[in-house]
Amino acid sequence: MFNVTNLPKTTTLFESMTDTVNVLPHLIELKEAWRVQNFRFTKDQKEQYEMLLQARRERVKYFYENDLVQKGPKVVKEKEQEEKEN
């Protein structure tokens, strides 16, 4: 019997790149290639860079929307307790 769950999952380049947690190493690698290639991307590299950059922007936007980014200065709890006691 043929079961749908037994089928191998086919993924596109876009899905495999955006599923990764951290796209920064891929962006850094493309930027290095850009430098070596006289500051020019090939058509494929440009498409990949734009896709990775969009994925990065979406991830950062997600962090801001869900308050996962520190805003303002770091406050040390010990100093807060000392101020309350005084």
PDB file of N, CA and C in Angstrom:
ATOM      1  N   MET A   1       0.841  -1.178   0.000  1.00  0.00           N
ATOM      2  CA  MET A   1       0.000   0.000   0.000  1.00  0.00           C
ATOM      3  C   MET A   1       0.882   1.235   0.000  1.00  0.00           C
ATOM      4  N   PHE A   2       0.474   2.245  -0.698  1.00  0.00           N
ATOM      5  CA  PHE A   2       1.231   3.479  -0.842  1.00  0.00           C
ATOM      6  C   PHE A   2       0.700   4.507   0.134  1.00  0.00           C
ATOM      7  N   ASN A   3       1.546   5.020   1.006  1.00  0.00           N
ATOM      8  CA  ASN A   3       1.132   5.967   2.031  1.00  0.00           C
ATOM      9  C   ASN A   3       1.750   7.329   1.730  1.00  0.00           C
ATOM     10  N   VAL A   4       0.981   8.373   1.889  1.00  0.00           N
ATOM     11  CA  VAL A   4       1.462   9.724   1.601  1.00  0.00           C
ATOM     12  C   VAL A   4       2.591  10.127   2.543  1.00  0.00           C
ATOM     13  N   THR A   5       2.567   9.633   3.760  1.00  0.00           N
ATOM     14  CA  THR A   5       3.612  10.018   4.713  1.00  0.00           C
ATOM     15  C   THR A   5       4.948   9.380   4.377  1.00  0.00           C
ATOM     16  N   ASN A   6       4.950   8.340   3.540  1.00  0.00           N
ATOM     17  CA  ASN A   6       6.201   7.691   3.166  1.00  0.00           C
ATOM     18  C   ASN A   6       6.889   8.365   1.989  1.00  0.00           C
ATOM     19  N   LEU A   7       6.222   9.329   1.369  1.00  0.00           N
ATOM     20  CA  LEU A   7       6.813  10.017   0.230  1.00  0.00           C
ATOM     21  C   LEU A   7       7.953  10.919   0.675  1.00  0.00           C
ATOM     22  N   PRO A   8       9.023  10.960  -0.091  1.00  0.00           N
ATOM     23  CA  PRO A   8      10.099  11.895   0.263  1.00  0.00           C
ATOM     24  C   PRO A   8       9.641  13.315   0.021  1.00  0.00           C
ATOM     25  N   LYS A   9      10.022  14.182   0.922  1.00  0.00           N
ATOM     26  CA  LYS A   9       9.638  15.581   0.810  1.00  0.00           C
ATOM     27  C   LYS A   9      10.608  16.276  -0.123  1.00  0.00           C
ATOM     28  N   THR A  10      10.076  16.934  -1.115  1.00  0.00           N
ATOM     29  CA  THR A  10      10.917  17.715  -2.014  1.00  0.00           C
ATOM     30  C   THR A  10      10.879  19.163  -1.563  1.00  0.00           C
ATOM     31  N   THR A  11      12.038  19.741  -1.449  1.00  0.00           N
ATOM     32  CA  THR A  11      12.113  21.136  -1.012  1.00  0.00           C
ATOM     33  C   THR A  11      12.818  21.947  -2.077  1.00  0.00           C
ATOM     34  N   THR A  12      12.412  23.165  -2.200  1.00  0.00           N
ATOM     35  CA  THR A  12      13.068  24.076  -3.118  1.00  0.00           C
ATOM     36  C   THR A  12      14.224  24.746  -2.389  1.00  0.00           C
ATOM     37  N   LEU A  13      15.045  25.434  -3.136  1.00  0.00           N
ATOM     38  CA  LEU A  13      16.161  26.158  -2.531  1.00  0.00           C
ATOM     39  C   LEU A  13      15.646  27.191  -1.549  1.00  0.00           C
ATOM     40  N   PHE A  14      14.562  27.867  -1.921  1.00  0.00           N
ATOM     41  CA  PHE A  14      13.988  28.893  -1.042  1.00  0.00           C
ATOM     42  C   PHE A  14      13.569  28.292   0.289  1.00  0.00           C
ATOM     43  N   GLU A  15      12.870  27.158   0.273  1.00  0.00           N
ATOM     44  CA  GLU A  15      12.408  26.530   1.510  1.00  0.00           C
ATOM     45  C   GLU A  15      13.575  26.078   2.359  1.00  0.00           C
ATOM     46  N   SER A  16      14.590  25.504   1.749  1.00  0.00           N
ATOM     47  CA  SER A  16      15.713  24.993   2.538  1.00  0.00           C
ATOM     48  C   SER A  16      16.510  26.130   3.173  1.00  0.00           C
ATOM     49  N   MET A  17      16.631  27.256   2.481  1.00  0.00           N
ATOM     50  CA  MET A  17      17.392  28.369   3.028  1.00  0.00           C
ATOM     51  C   MET A  17      16.621  29.097   4.119  1.00  0.00           C
ATOM     52  N   THR A  18      15.298  29.275   3.941  1.00  0.00           N
ATOM     53  CA  THR A  18      14.540  30.019   4.928  1.00  0.00           C
ATOM     54  C   THR A  18      14.194  29.169   6.137  1.00  0.00           C
ATOM     55  N   ASP A  19      14.269  27.850   6.018  1.00  0.00           N
ATOM     56  CA  ASP A  19      14.006  26.986   7.160  1.00  0.00           C
ATOM     57  C   ASP A  19      15.173  26.996   8.145  1.00  0.00           C
ATOM     58  N   THR A  20      16.340  27.377   7.678  1.00  0.00           N
ATOM     59  CA  THR A  20      17.477  27.412   8.585  1.00  0.00           C
ATOM     60  C   THR A  20      17.291  28.524   9.597  1.00  0.00           C
ATOM     61  N   VAL A  21      17.816  28.309  10.771  1.00  0.00           N
ATOM     62  CA  VAL A  21      17.653  29.276  11.844  1.00  0.00           C
ATOM     63  C   VAL A  21      18.468  30.529  11.568  1.00  0.00           C
ATOM     64  N   ASN A  22      19.647  30.359  11.055  1.00  0.00           N
ATOM     65  CA  ASN A  22      20.548  31.494  10.889  1.00  0.00           C
ATOM     66  C   ASN A  22      20.995  31.601   9.437  1.00  0.00           C
ATOM     67  N   VAL A  23      20.583  32.653   8.756  1.00  0.00           N
ATOM     68  CA  VAL A  23      20.972  32.862   7.368  1.00  0.00           C
ATOM     69  C   VAL A  23      22.223  33.718   7.247  1.00  0.00           C
ATOM     70  N   LEU A  24      22.714  34.226   8.370  1.00  0.00           N
ATOM     71  CA  LEU A  24      23.879  35.111   8.330  1.00  0.00           C
ATOM     72  C   LEU A  24      25.117  34.465   7.712  1.00  0.00           C
ATOM     73  N   PRO A  25      25.450  33.198   8.019  1.00  0.00           N
ATOM     74  CA  PRO A  25      26.630  32.610   7.370  1.00  0.00           C
ATOM     75  C   PRO A  25      26.507  32.566   5.844  1.00  0.00           C
ATOM     76  N   HIS A  26      25.299  32.315   5.351  1.00  0.00           N
ATOM     77  CA  HIS A  26      25.079  32.286   3.911  1.00  0.00           C
ATOM     78  C   HIS A  26      25.235  33.688   3.316  1.00  0.00           C
ATOM     79  N   LEU A  27      24.725  34.699   4.024  1.00  0.00           N
ATOM     80  CA  LEU A  27      24.872  36.077   3.555  1.00  0.00           C
ATOM     81  C   LEU A  27      26.339  36.500   3.531  1.00  0.00           C
ATOM     82  N   ILE A  28      27.070  36.128   4.562  1.00  0.00           N
ATOM     83  CA  ILE A  28      28.494  36.476   4.638  1.00  0.00           C
ATOM     84  C   ILE A  28      29.263  35.813   3.498  1.00  0.00           C
ATOM     85  N   GLU A  29      28.918  34.560   3.223  1.00  0.00           N
ATOM     86  CA  GLU A  29      29.575  33.837   2.132  1.00  0.00           C
ATOM     87  C   GLU A  29      29.305  34.519   0.789  1.00  0.00           C
ATOM     88  N   LEU A  30      28.077  34.947   0.559  1.00  0.00           N
ATOM     89  CA  LEU A  30      27.752  35.633  -0.689  1.00  0.00           C
ATOM     90  C   LEU A  30      28.434  36.997  -0.778  1.00  0.00           C
ATOM     91  N   LYS A  31      28.542  37.698   0.351  1.00  0.00           N
ATOM     92  CA  LYS A  31      29.231  38.992   0.339  1.00  0.00           C
ATOM     93  C   LYS A  31      30.714  38.824   0.008  1.00  0.00           C
ATOM     94  N   GLU A  32      31.305  37.760   0.507  1.00  0.00           N
ATOM     95  CA  GLU A  32      32.711  37.485   0.203  1.00  0.00           C
ATOM     96  C   GLU A  32      32.875  37.183  -1.289  1.00  0.00           C
ATOM     97  N   ALA A  33      31.971  36.400  -1.850  1.00  0.00           N
ATOM     98  CA  ALA A  33      32.011  36.112  -3.282  1.00  0.00           C
ATOM     99  C   ALA A  33      31.833  37.403  -4.082  1.00  0.00           C
ATOM    100  N   TRP A  34      30.980  38.279  -3.615  1.00  0.00           N
ATOM    101  CA  TRP A  34      30.733  39.574  -4.257  1.00  0.00           C
ATOM    102  C   TRP A  34      32.025  40.393  -4.317  1.00  0.00           C
ATOM    103  N   ARG A  35      32.770  40.394  -3.214  1.00  0.00           N
ATOM    104  CA  ARG A  35      34.040  41.134  -3.180  1.00  0.00           C
ATOM    105  C   ARG A  35      35.046  40.541  -4.170  1.00  0.00           C
ATOM    106  N   VAL A  36      35.145  39.204  -4.167  1.00  0.00           N
ATOM    107  CA  VAL A  36      36.105  38.514  -5.026  1.00  0.00           C
ATOM    108  C   VAL A  36      35.751  38.714  -6.501  1.00  0.00           C
ATOM    109  N   GLN A  37      34.464  38.817  -6.813  1.00  0.00           N
ATOM    110  CA  GLN A  37      33.990  38.940  -8.187  1.00  0.00           C
ATOM    111  C   GLN A  37      33.907  40.399  -8.634  1.00  0.00           C
ATOM    112  N   ASN A  38      34.764  41.239  -8.093  1.00  0.00           N
ATOM    113  CA  ASN A  38      34.835  42.643  -8.498  1.00  0.00           C
ATOM    114  C   ASN A  38      33.533  43.384  -8.199  1.00  0.00           C
ATOM    115  N   PHE A  39      32.945  43.092  -7.048  1.00  0.00           N
ATOM    116  CA  PHE A  39      31.734  43.747  -6.544  1.00  0.00           C
ATOM    117  C   PHE A  39      30.537  43.580  -7.486  1.00  0.00           C
ATOM    118  N   ARG A  40      30.405  42.370  -8.013  1.00  0.00           N
ATOM    119  CA  ARG A  40      29.258  42.044  -8.869  1.00  0.00           C
ATOM    120  C   ARG A  40      28.761  40.645  -8.531  1.00  0.00           C
ATOM    121  N   PHE A  41      27.436  40.513  -8.526  1.00  0.00           N
ATOM    122  CA  PHE A  41      26.808  39.210  -8.337  1.00  0.00           C
ATOM    123  C   PHE A  41      26.422  38.650  -9.702  1.00  0.00           C
ATOM    124  N   THR A  42      26.416  37.327  -9.790  1.00  0.00           N
ATOM    125  CA  THR A  42      25.792  36.703 -10.948  1.00  0.00           C
ATOM    126  C   THR A  42      24.288  36.780 -10.732  1.00  0.00           C
ATOM    127  N   LYS A  43      23.510  36.467 -11.745  1.00  0.00           N
ATOM    128  CA  LYS A  43      22.054  36.540 -11.628  1.00  0.00           C
ATOM    129  C   LYS A  43      21.560  35.606 -10.519  1.00  0.00           C
ATOM    130  N   ASP A  44      22.088  34.384 -10.484  1.00  0.00           N
ATOM    131  CA  ASP A  44      21.674  33.421  -9.457  1.00  0.00           C
ATOM    132  C   ASP A  44      22.083  33.884  -8.061  1.00  0.00           C
ATOM    133  N   GLN A  45      23.291  34.409  -7.943  1.00  0.00           N
ATOM    134  CA  GLN A  45      23.749  34.893  -6.646  1.00  0.00           C
ATOM    135  C   GLN A  45      22.906  36.064  -6.168  1.00  0.00           C
ATOM    136  N   LYS A  46      22.530  36.949  -7.092  1.00  0.00           N
ATOM    137  CA  LYS A  46      21.711  38.094  -6.715  1.00  0.00           C
ATOM    138  C   LYS A  46      20.344  37.630  -6.212  1.00  0.00           C
ATOM    139  N   GLU A  47      19.736  36.672  -6.892  1.00  0.00           N
ATOM    140  CA  GLU A  47      18.446  36.133  -6.460  1.00  0.00           C
ATOM    141  C   GLU A  47      18.559  35.485  -5.083  1.00  0.00           C
ATOM    142  N   GLN A  48      19.618  34.706  -4.891  1.00  0.00           N
ATOM    143  CA  GLN A  48      19.827  34.035  -3.607  1.00  0.00           C
ATOM    144  C   GLN A  48      20.058  35.062  -2.501  1.00  0.00           C
ATOM    145  N   TYR A  49      20.855  36.089  -2.766  1.00  0.00           N
ATOM    146  CA  TYR A  49      21.135  37.122  -1.776  1.00  0.00           C
ATOM    147  C   TYR A  49      19.857  37.850  -1.373  1.00  0.00           C
ATOM    148  N   GLU A  50      19.054  38.223  -2.360  1.00  0.00           N
ATOM    149  CA  GLU A  50      17.801  38.929  -2.072  1.00  0.00           C
ATOM    150  C   GLU A  50      16.851  38.055  -1.259  1.00  0.00           C
ATOM    151  N   MET A  51      16.801  36.756  -1.579  1.00  0.00           N
ATOM    152  CA  MET A  51      15.945  35.832  -0.840  1.00  0.00           C
ATOM    153  C   MET A  51      16.418  35.688   0.609  1.00  0.00           C
ATOM    154  N   LEU A  52      17.730  35.558   0.790  1.00  0.00           N
ATOM    155  CA  LEU A  52      18.278  35.436   2.144  1.00  0.00           C
ATOM    156  C   LEU A  52      18.090  36.721   2.937  1.00  0.00           C
ATOM    157  N   LEU A  53      18.261  37.847   2.290  1.00  0.00           N
ATOM    158  CA  LEU A  53      18.084  39.131   2.960  1.00  0.00           C
ATOM    159  C   LEU A  53      16.634  39.313   3.400  1.00  0.00           C
ATOM    160  N   GLN A  54      15.697  38.908   2.559  1.00  0.00           N
ATOM    161  CA  GLN A  54      14.285  38.981   2.917  1.00  0.00           C
ATOM    162  C   GLN A  54      13.984  38.063   4.101  1.00  0.00           C
ATOM    163  N   ALA A  55      14.557  36.854   4.101  1.00  0.00           N
ATOM    164  CA  ALA A  55      14.353  35.927   5.217  1.00  0.00           C
ATOM    165  C   ALA A  55      14.908  36.518   6.505  1.00  0.00           C
ATOM    166  N   ARG A  56      16.061  37.160   6.422  1.00  0.00           N
ATOM    167  CA  ARG A  56      16.665  37.790   7.597  1.00  0.00           C
ATOM    168  C   ARG A  56      15.789  38.923   8.118  1.00  0.00           C
ATOM    169  N   ARG A  57      15.296  39.740   7.215  1.00  0.00           N
ATOM    170  CA  ARG A  57      14.432  40.852   7.623  1.00  0.00           C
ATOM    171  C   ARG A  57      13.151  40.350   8.281  1.00  0.00           C
ATOM    172  N   GLU A  58      12.574  39.274   7.739  1.00  0.00           N
ATOM    173  CA  GLU A  58      11.365  38.705   8.339  1.00  0.00           C
ATOM    174  C   GLU A  58      11.654  38.173   9.740  1.00  0.00           C
ATOM    175  N   ARG A  59      12.812  37.547   9.907  1.00  0.00           N
ATOM    176  CA  ARG A  59      13.181  37.004  11.221  1.00  0.00           C
ATOM    177  C   ARG A  59      13.363  38.124  12.248  1.00  0.00           C
ATOM    178  N   VAL A  60      14.044  39.190  11.855  1.00  0.00           N
ATOM    179  CA  VAL A  60      14.258  40.318  12.765  1.00  0.00           C
ATOM    180  C   VAL A  60      12.919  40.977  13.092  1.00  0.00           C
ATOM    181  N   LYS A  61      12.071  41.121  12.097  1.00  0.00           N
ATOM    182  CA  LYS A  61      10.741  41.701  12.314  1.00  0.00           C
ATOM    183  C   LYS A  61       9.944  40.856  13.310  1.00  0.00           C
ATOM    184  N   TYR A  62      10.049  39.535  13.184  1.00  0.00           N
ATOM    185  CA  TYR A  62       9.382  38.619  14.113  1.00  0.00           C
ATOM    186  C   TYR A  62       9.869  38.861  15.545  1.00  0.00           C
ATOM    187  N   PHE A  63      11.179  39.020  15.719  1.00  0.00           N
ATOM    188  CA  PHE A  63      11.728  39.267  17.050  1.00  0.00           C
ATOM    189  C   PHE A  63      11.179  40.554  17.644  1.00  0.00           C
ATOM    190  N   TYR A  64      11.113  41.606  16.855  1.00  0.00           N
ATOM    191  CA  TYR A  64      10.582  42.875  17.350  1.00  0.00           C
ATOM    192  C   TYR A  64       9.099  42.777  17.674  1.00  0.00           C
ATOM    193  N   GLU A  65       8.322  42.111  16.813  1.00  0.00           N
ATOM    194  CA  GLU A  65       6.884  41.987  17.035  1.00  0.00           C
ATOM    195  C   GLU A  65       6.558  41.191  18.292  1.00  0.00           C
ATOM    196  N   ASN A  66       7.401  40.238  18.649  1.00  0.00           N
ATOM    197  CA  ASN A  66       7.145  39.384  19.804  1.00  0.00           C
ATOM    198  C   ASN A  66       7.959  39.785  21.033  1.00  0.00           C
ATOM    199  N   ASP A  67       8.488  40.994  21.031  1.00  0.00           N
ATOM    200  CA  ASP A  67       9.271  41.535  22.151  1.00  0.00           C
ATOM    201  C   ASP A  67      10.401  40.610  22.581  1.00  0.00           C
ATOM    202  N   LEU A  68      11.126  40.082  21.616  1.00  0.00           N
ATOM    203  CA  LEU A  68      12.274  39.234  21.902  1.00  0.00           C
ATOM    204  C   LEU A  68      13.584  39.997  21.774  1.00  0.00           C
ATOM    205  N   VAL A  69      13.476  41.319  21.636  1.00  0.00           N
ATOM    206  CA  VAL A  69      14.645  42.182  21.497  1.00  0.00           C
ATOM    207  C   VAL A  69      14.698  43.102  22.701  1.00  0.00           C
ATOM    208  N   GLN A  70      15.874  43.230  23.282  1.00  0.00           N
ATOM    209  CA  GLN A  70      16.018  44.116  24.427  1.00  0.00           C
ATOM    210  C   GLN A  70      15.896  45.556  23.979  1.00  0.00           C
ATOM    211  N   LYS A  71      15.094  46.302  24.681  1.00  0.00           N
ATOM    212  CA  LYS A  71      14.903  47.715  24.366  1.00  0.00           C
ATOM    213  C   LYS A  71      15.336  48.530  25.574  1.00  0.00           C
ATOM    214  N   GLY A  72      16.195  49.474  25.366  1.00  0.00           N
ATOM    215  CA  GLY A  72      16.676  50.303  26.455  1.00  0.00           C
ATOM    216  C   GLY A  72      17.900  49.705  27.115  1.00  0.00           C
ATOM    217  N   PRO A  73      18.414  50.400  28.130  1.00  0.00           N
ATOM    218  CA  PRO A  73      19.632  49.928  28.791  1.00  0.00           C
ATOM    219  C   PRO A  73      19.358  48.718  29.674  1.00  0.00           C
ATOM    220  N   LYS A  74      20.402  47.949  29.890  1.00  0.00           N
ATOM    221  CA  LYS A  74      20.301  46.797  30.764  1.00  0.00           C
ATOM    222  C   LYS A  74      20.280  47.285  32.207  1.00  0.00           C
ATOM    223  N   VAL A  75      19.351  46.791  32.989  1.00  0.00           N
ATOM    224  CA  VAL A  75      19.212  47.200  34.376  1.00  0.00           C
ATOM    225  C   VAL A  75      19.634  46.024  35.254  1.00  0.00           C
ATOM    226  N   VAL A  76      20.554  46.286  36.168  1.00  0.00           N
ATOM    227  CA  VAL A  76      21.019  45.262  37.073  1.00  0.00           C
ATOM    228  C   VAL A  76      20.074  45.215  38.272  1.00  0.00           C
ATOM    229  N   LYS A  77      19.595  44.026  38.609  1.00  0.00           N
ATOM    230  CA  LYS A  77      18.605  43.885  39.673  1.00  0.00           C
ATOM    231  C   LYS A  77      19.162  44.266  41.044  1.00  0.00           C
ATOM    232  N   GLU A  78      20.447  44.028  41.277  1.00  0.00           N
ATOM    233  CA  GLU A  78      21.040  44.355  42.575  1.00  0.00           C
ATOM    234  C   GLU A  78      20.949  45.857  42.842  1.00  0.00           C
ATOM    235  N   LYS A  79      21.206  46.648  41.841  1.00  0.00           N
ATOM    236  CA  LYS A  79      21.142  48.098  42.008  1.00  0.00           C
ATOM    237  C   LYS A  79      19.707  48.545  42.272  1.00  0.00           C
ATOM    238  N   GLU A  80      18.758  47.894  41.626  1.00  0.00           N
ATOM    239  CA  GLU A  80      17.360  48.222  41.848  1.00  0.00           C
ATOM    240  C   GLU A  80      16.953  47.926  43.291  1.00  0.00           C
ATOM    241  N   GLN A  81      17.413  46.797  43.823  1.00  0.00           N
ATOM    242  CA  GLN A  81      17.077  46.420  45.196  1.00  0.00           C
ATOM    243  C   GLN A  81      17.708  47.394  46.189  1.00  0.00           C
ATOM    244  N   GLU A  82      18.942  47.817  45.949  1.00  0.00           N
ATOM    245  CA  GLU A  82      19.603  48.751  46.829  1.00  0.00           C
ATOM    246  C   GLU A  82      18.879  50.092  46.841  1.00  0.00           C
ATOM    247  N   GLU A  83      18.422  50.521  45.676  1.00  0.00           N
ATOM    248  CA  GLU A  83      17.700  51.789  45.589  1.00  0.00           C
ATOM    249  C   GLU A  83      16.382  51.711  46.333  1.00  0.00           C
ATOM    250  N   LYS A  84      15.708  50.575  46.300  1.00  0.00           N
ATOM    251  CA  LYS A  84      14.433  50.410  46.990  1.00  0.00           C
ATOM    252  C   LYS A  84      14.636  50.413  48.497  1.00  0.00           C
ATOM    253  N   GLU A  85      15.754  49.862  48.962  1.00  0.00           N
ATOM    254  CA  GLU A  85      16.028  49.814  50.409  1.00  0.00           C
ATOM    255  C   GLU A  85      16.344  51.197  50.959  1.00  0.00           C
ATOM    256  N   ASN A  86      16.943  52.040  50.156  1.00  0.00           N
ATOM    257  CA  ASN A  86      17.335  53.383  50.613  1.00  0.00           C
ATOM    258  C   ASN A  86      16.178  54.299  50.578  1.00  0.00           C
TER     259      ASN A  86
END
